[in-house]
Amino acid sequence: MALSDVDLTVNLYTEGDKFFDLLKAAIRDWQGGWGHERERAGYALELYRRSLETLRSHLEEARARAEGGFFTEQDQRILNQTEEKLAYWEKKLAEIRKQED
């Protein structure tokens, strides 16, 4: 029996806070460790960056669609909340990167 790829899907809107917090903790724990731990920290950091890029891209697309059509107060509120979350996690990424230096 051969191993195959396993895909994992994380809903960054509903589970993003837990996901980013988990990655942040892993990065901080492993940054100063042994070589294999630093490798794990690097991988977690890359997942963190890619996830932020995905969230940012989704927000841009959602805003463009919403502004191009029916755009309710609730739509605006959801987009604003998501933008606030994105800004928060980008700030946390900057703090983690400062700790690397």
N, C-alpha and C. Protein backbone atom coordinates (compact mmCIF):
# COMPACT_ATOMS: atom_id res chain seq x y z
N MET A 1 0.84 -1.17 0.00
CA MET A 1 0.00 0.00 0.00
C MET A 1 0.89 1.24 0.00
N ALA A 2 0.72 2.10 -0.95
CA ALA A 2 1.53 3.31 -1.08
C ALA A 2 0.87 4.47 -0.33
N LEU A 3 1.72 5.32 0.21
CA LEU A 3 1.21 6.51 0.87
C LEU A 3 0.83 7.54 -0.19
N SER A 4 -0.21 8.29 0.09
CA SER A 4 -0.61 9.34 -0.85
C SER A 4 -0.64 10.66 -0.11
N ASP A 5 -0.78 11.72 -0.87
CA ASP A 5 -0.86 13.05 -0.29
C ASP A 5 -2.11 13.18 0.57
N VAL A 6 -1.98 13.95 1.60
CA VAL A 6 -3.10 14.25 2.46
C VAL A 6 -3.31 15.75 2.43
N ASP A 7 -4.49 16.16 2.11
CA ASP A 7 -4.81 17.58 2.08
C ASP A 7 -5.51 17.98 3.36
N LEU A 8 -5.18 19.14 3.84
CA LEU A 8 -5.79 19.68 5.03
C LEU A 8 -6.39 21.02 4.66
N THR A 9 -7.62 21.24 5.04
CA THR A 9 -8.28 22.50 4.77
C THR A 9 -8.60 23.18 6.09
N VAL A 10 -8.23 24.44 6.18
CA VAL A 10 -8.52 25.23 7.37
C VAL A 10 -9.34 26.43 6.92
N ASN A 11 -10.50 26.61 7.51
CA ASN A 11 -11.32 27.77 7.23
C ASN A 11 -10.73 28.93 8.03
N LEU A 12 -10.03 29.82 7.36
CA LEU A 12 -9.33 30.91 8.04
C LEU A 12 -10.28 31.93 8.64
N TYR A 13 -11.51 31.94 8.17
CA TYR A 13 -12.48 32.88 8.76
C TYR A 13 -12.99 32.35 10.10
N THR A 14 -13.34 31.07 10.15
CA THR A 14 -13.91 30.53 11.39
C THR A 14 -12.86 29.94 12.32
N GLU A 15 -11.75 29.42 11.76
CA GLU A 15 -10.73 28.76 12.57
C GLU A 15 -9.38 29.46 12.54
N GLY A 16 -9.32 30.59 11.87
CA GLY A 16 -8.05 31.28 11.67
C GLY A 16 -7.37 31.69 12.96
N ASP A 17 -8.12 32.19 13.93
CA ASP A 17 -7.49 32.62 15.18
C ASP A 17 -6.77 31.45 15.86
N LYS A 18 -7.41 30.30 15.94
CA LYS A 18 -6.79 29.13 16.57
C LYS A 18 -5.59 28.65 15.75
N PHE A 19 -5.76 28.64 14.44
CA PHE A 19 -4.70 28.18 13.55
C PHE A 19 -3.46 29.06 13.66
N PHE A 20 -3.65 30.38 13.54
CA PHE A 20 -2.51 31.30 13.63
C PHE A 20 -1.88 31.27 15.02
N ASP A 21 -2.69 31.14 16.04
CA ASP A 21 -2.16 31.08 17.41
C ASP A 21 -1.32 29.82 17.60
N LEU A 22 -1.77 28.71 17.05
CA LEU A 22 -1.02 27.47 17.12
C LEU A 22 0.32 27.60 16.40
N LEU A 23 0.30 28.17 15.21
CA LEU A 23 1.54 28.36 14.46
C LEU A 23 2.49 29.31 15.20
N LYS A 24 1.93 30.39 15.74
CA LYS A 24 2.74 31.37 16.48
C LYS A 24 3.43 30.69 17.66
N ALA A 25 2.71 29.88 18.41
CA ALA A 25 3.28 29.19 19.56
C ALA A 25 4.37 28.21 19.12
N ALA A 26 4.12 27.48 18.06
CA ALA A 26 5.12 26.53 17.56
C ALA A 26 6.39 27.25 17.12
N ILE A 27 6.23 28.33 16.41
CA ILE A 27 7.39 29.09 15.93
C ILE A 27 8.21 29.59 17.12
N ARG A 28 7.55 30.18 18.08
CA ARG A 28 8.26 30.71 19.25
C ARG A 28 8.96 29.60 20.03
N ASP A 29 8.31 28.46 20.19
CA ASP A 29 8.90 27.35 20.93
C ASP A 29 10.12 26.77 20.22
N TRP A 30 10.07 26.67 18.91
CA TRP A 30 11.11 25.98 18.16
C TRP A 30 12.22 26.87 17.62
N GLN A 31 12.03 28.20 17.61
CA GLN A 31 13.02 29.09 17.00
C GLN A 31 14.42 28.91 17.58
N GLY A 32 14.54 28.79 18.87
CA GLY A 32 15.86 28.72 19.48
C GLY A 32 16.33 27.32 19.79
N GLY A 33 15.65 26.34 19.24
CA GLY A 33 15.95 24.95 19.56
C GLY A 33 17.06 24.36 18.70
N TRP A 34 17.09 23.04 18.71
CA TRP A 34 18.04 22.28 17.90
C TRP A 34 17.73 22.46 16.42
N GLY A 35 18.61 21.98 15.57
CA GLY A 35 18.45 22.14 14.13
C GLY A 35 17.11 21.68 13.60
N HIS A 36 16.67 20.49 14.02
CA HIS A 36 15.39 19.97 13.52
C HIS A 36 14.22 20.83 14.03
N GLU A 37 14.37 21.41 15.23
CA GLU A 37 13.31 22.28 15.75
C GLU A 37 13.27 23.59 14.97
N ARG A 38 14.43 24.11 14.61
CA ARG A 38 14.47 25.35 13.81
C ARG A 38 13.88 25.11 12.42
N GLU A 39 14.09 23.90 11.89
CA GLU A 39 13.47 23.55 10.61
C GLU A 39 11.95 23.55 10.73
N ARG A 40 11.44 22.99 11.81
CA ARG A 40 9.99 22.99 12.05
C ARG A 40 9.47 24.40 12.18
N ALA A 41 10.22 25.24 12.89
CA ALA A 41 9.82 26.64 13.05
C ALA A 41 9.76 27.33 11.69
N GLY A 42 10.74 27.04 10.85
CA GLY A 42 10.74 27.60 9.50
C GLY A 42 9.53 27.17 8.69
N TYR A 43 9.18 25.90 8.81
CA TYR A 43 8.01 25.37 8.11
C TYR A 43 6.73 26.03 8.64
N ALA A 44 6.62 26.15 9.97
CA ALA A 44 5.45 26.80 10.57
C ALA A 44 5.36 28.25 10.14
N LEU A 45 6.51 28.92 10.05
CA LEU A 45 6.53 30.31 9.61
C LEU A 45 6.07 30.43 8.16
N GLU A 46 6.50 29.50 7.32
CA GLU A 46 6.07 29.50 5.92
C GLU A 46 4.56 29.24 5.82
N LEU A 47 4.03 28.32 6.61
CA LEU A 47 2.57 28.09 6.62
C LEU A 47 1.84 29.35 7.05
N TYR A 48 2.37 30.02 8.05
CA TYR A 48 1.79 31.27 8.55
C TYR A 48 1.73 32.31 7.43
N ARG A 49 2.87 32.51 6.75
CA ARG A 49 2.92 33.50 5.65
C ARG A 49 1.95 33.15 4.53
N ARG A 50 1.96 31.88 4.11
CA ARG A 50 1.08 31.46 3.02
C ARG A 50 -0.39 31.63 3.40
N SER A 51 -0.70 31.34 4.64
CA SER A 51 -2.09 31.50 5.10
C SER A 51 -2.51 32.97 5.11
N LEU A 52 -1.60 33.85 5.53
CA LEU A 52 -1.91 35.28 5.48
C LEU A 52 -2.12 35.74 4.04
N GLU A 53 -1.29 35.26 3.14
CA GLU A 53 -1.45 35.61 1.72
C GLU A 53 -2.80 35.14 1.19
N THR A 54 -3.19 33.92 1.57
CA THR A 54 -4.48 33.38 1.15
C THR A 54 -5.62 34.23 1.68
N LEU A 55 -5.55 34.58 2.96
CA LEU A 55 -6.60 35.40 3.57
C LEU A 55 -6.66 36.78 2.92
N ARG A 56 -5.51 37.38 2.68
CA ARG A 56 -5.45 38.71 2.04
C ARG A 56 -6.06 38.66 0.64
N SER A 57 -5.71 37.63 -0.13
CA SER A 57 -6.24 37.47 -1.48
C SER A 57 -7.75 37.29 -1.45
N HIS A 58 -8.24 36.47 -0.53
CA HIS A 58 -9.68 36.25 -0.40
C HIS A 58 -10.39 37.56 -0.06
N LEU A 59 -9.82 38.33 0.84
CA LEU A 59 -10.45 39.60 1.21
C LEU A 59 -10.54 40.56 0.03
N GLU A 60 -9.48 40.62 -0.75
CA GLU A 60 -9.49 41.50 -1.93
C GLU A 60 -10.57 41.08 -2.92
N GLU A 61 -10.68 39.78 -3.15
CA GLU A 61 -11.71 39.27 -4.06
C GLU A 61 -13.11 39.52 -3.51
N ALA A 62 -13.31 39.26 -2.22
CA ALA A 62 -14.62 39.46 -1.60
C ALA A 62 -15.04 40.91 -1.63
N ARG A 63 -14.10 41.81 -1.36
CA ARG A 63 -14.42 43.24 -1.39
C ARG A 63 -14.78 43.69 -2.81
N ALA A 64 -14.05 43.22 -3.78
CA ALA A 64 -14.35 43.59 -5.17
C ALA A 64 -15.72 43.09 -5.58
N ARG A 65 -16.06 41.85 -5.22
CA ARG A 65 -17.38 41.32 -5.55
C ARG A 65 -18.48 42.09 -4.83
N ALA A 66 -18.26 42.35 -3.56
CA ALA A 66 -19.29 43.03 -2.77
C ALA A 66 -19.51 44.46 -3.27
N GLU A 67 -18.45 45.15 -3.57
CA GLU A 67 -18.59 46.53 -4.03
C GLU A 67 -19.17 46.61 -5.44
N GLY A 68 -19.01 45.53 -6.20
CA GLY A 68 -19.53 45.51 -7.55
C GLY A 68 -21.00 45.13 -7.62
N GLY A 69 -21.57 44.73 -6.52
CA GLY A 69 -22.95 44.29 -6.53
C GLY A 69 -23.67 44.75 -5.28
N PHE A 70 -24.52 43.90 -4.79
CA PHE A 70 -25.31 44.19 -3.60
C PHE A 70 -24.39 44.11 -2.38
N PHE A 71 -24.26 45.21 -1.66
CA PHE A 71 -23.30 45.32 -0.57
C PHE A 71 -24.03 45.82 0.66
N THR A 72 -24.37 44.89 1.55
CA THR A 72 -25.16 45.25 2.73
C THR A 72 -24.25 45.70 3.87
N GLU A 73 -24.87 46.21 4.92
CA GLU A 73 -24.14 46.59 6.12
C GLU A 73 -23.47 45.37 6.73
N GLN A 74 -24.16 44.25 6.70
CA GLN A 74 -23.60 43.02 7.25
C GLN A 74 -22.36 42.59 6.45
N ASP A 75 -22.42 42.72 5.12
CA ASP A 75 -21.25 42.41 4.28
C ASP A 75 -20.07 43.28 4.70
N GLN A 76 -20.32 44.55 4.88
CA GLN A 76 -19.27 45.48 5.27
C GLN A 76 -18.70 45.11 6.64
N ARG A 77 -19.56 44.76 7.56
CA ARG A 77 -19.13 44.40 8.91
C ARG A 77 -18.24 43.15 8.88
N ILE A 78 -18.64 42.15 8.11
CA ILE A 78 -17.86 40.92 8.00
C ILE A 78 -16.50 41.21 7.38
N LEU A 79 -16.48 41.99 6.32
CA LEU A 79 -15.21 42.33 5.69
C LEU A 79 -14.32 43.12 6.65
N ASN A 80 -14.89 44.06 7.38
CA ASN A 80 -14.11 44.85 8.33
C ASN A 80 -13.53 43.97 9.43
N GLN A 81 -14.33 43.05 9.96
CA GLN A 81 -13.85 42.14 11.00
C GLN A 81 -12.70 41.28 10.49
N THR A 82 -12.85 40.80 9.28
CA THR A 82 -11.80 39.96 8.70
C THR A 82 -10.54 40.76 8.44
N GLU A 83 -10.69 42.00 7.98
CA GLU A 83 -9.53 42.86 7.78
C GLU A 83 -8.83 43.15 9.10
N GLU A 84 -9.60 43.32 10.16
CA GLU A 84 -9.01 43.54 11.49
C GLU A 84 -8.22 42.31 11.94
N LYS A 85 -8.78 41.13 11.71
CA LYS A 85 -8.08 39.90 12.06
C LYS A 85 -6.79 39.77 11.26
N LEU A 86 -6.86 40.06 9.97
CA LEU A 86 -5.67 39.99 9.12
C LEU A 86 -4.60 40.94 9.63
N ALA A 87 -4.97 42.16 9.95
CA ALA A 87 -4.01 43.15 10.47
C ALA A 87 -3.39 42.66 11.78
N TYR A 88 -4.20 42.08 12.65
CA TYR A 88 -3.71 41.56 13.93
C TYR A 88 -2.66 40.47 13.70
N TRP A 89 -2.98 39.51 12.84
CA TRP A 89 -2.05 38.40 12.62
C TRP A 89 -0.82 38.83 11.84
N GLU A 90 -0.94 39.84 10.99
CA GLU A 90 0.25 40.39 10.33
C GLU A 90 1.15 41.06 11.37
N LYS A 91 0.55 41.75 12.34
CA LYS A 91 1.32 42.37 13.42
C LYS A 91 2.05 41.30 14.22
N LYS A 92 1.38 40.20 14.54
CA LYS A 92 2.00 39.11 15.29
C LYS A 92 3.16 38.49 14.49
N LEU A 93 3.01 38.39 13.18
CA LEU A 93 4.08 37.87 12.34
C LEU A 93 5.29 38.79 12.43
N ALA A 94 5.07 40.10 12.38
CA ALA A 94 6.17 41.05 12.50
C ALA A 94 6.87 40.90 13.86
N GLU A 95 6.12 40.67 14.92
CA GLU A 95 6.72 40.47 16.23
C GLU A 95 7.57 39.20 16.27
N ILE A 96 7.07 38.14 15.66
CA ILE A 96 7.83 36.89 15.61
C ILE A 96 9.13 37.08 14.85
N ARG A 97 9.05 37.80 13.75
CA ARG A 97 10.24 38.00 12.92
C ARG A 97 11.28 38.85 13.65
N LYS A 98 10.83 39.79 14.48
CA LYS A 98 11.77 40.59 15.28
C LYS A 98 12.50 39.69 16.26
N GLN A 99 11.82 38.69 16.79
CA GLN A 99 12.44 37.77 17.74
C GLN A 99 13.50 36.91 17.06
N GLU A 100 13.37 36.72 15.75
CA GLU A 100 14.37 35.93 15.00
C GLU A 100 15.70 36.66 14.92
N ASP A 101 15.63 37.99 14.87
CA ASP A 101 16.85 38.80 14.70
C ASP A 101 17.74 38.83 15.91
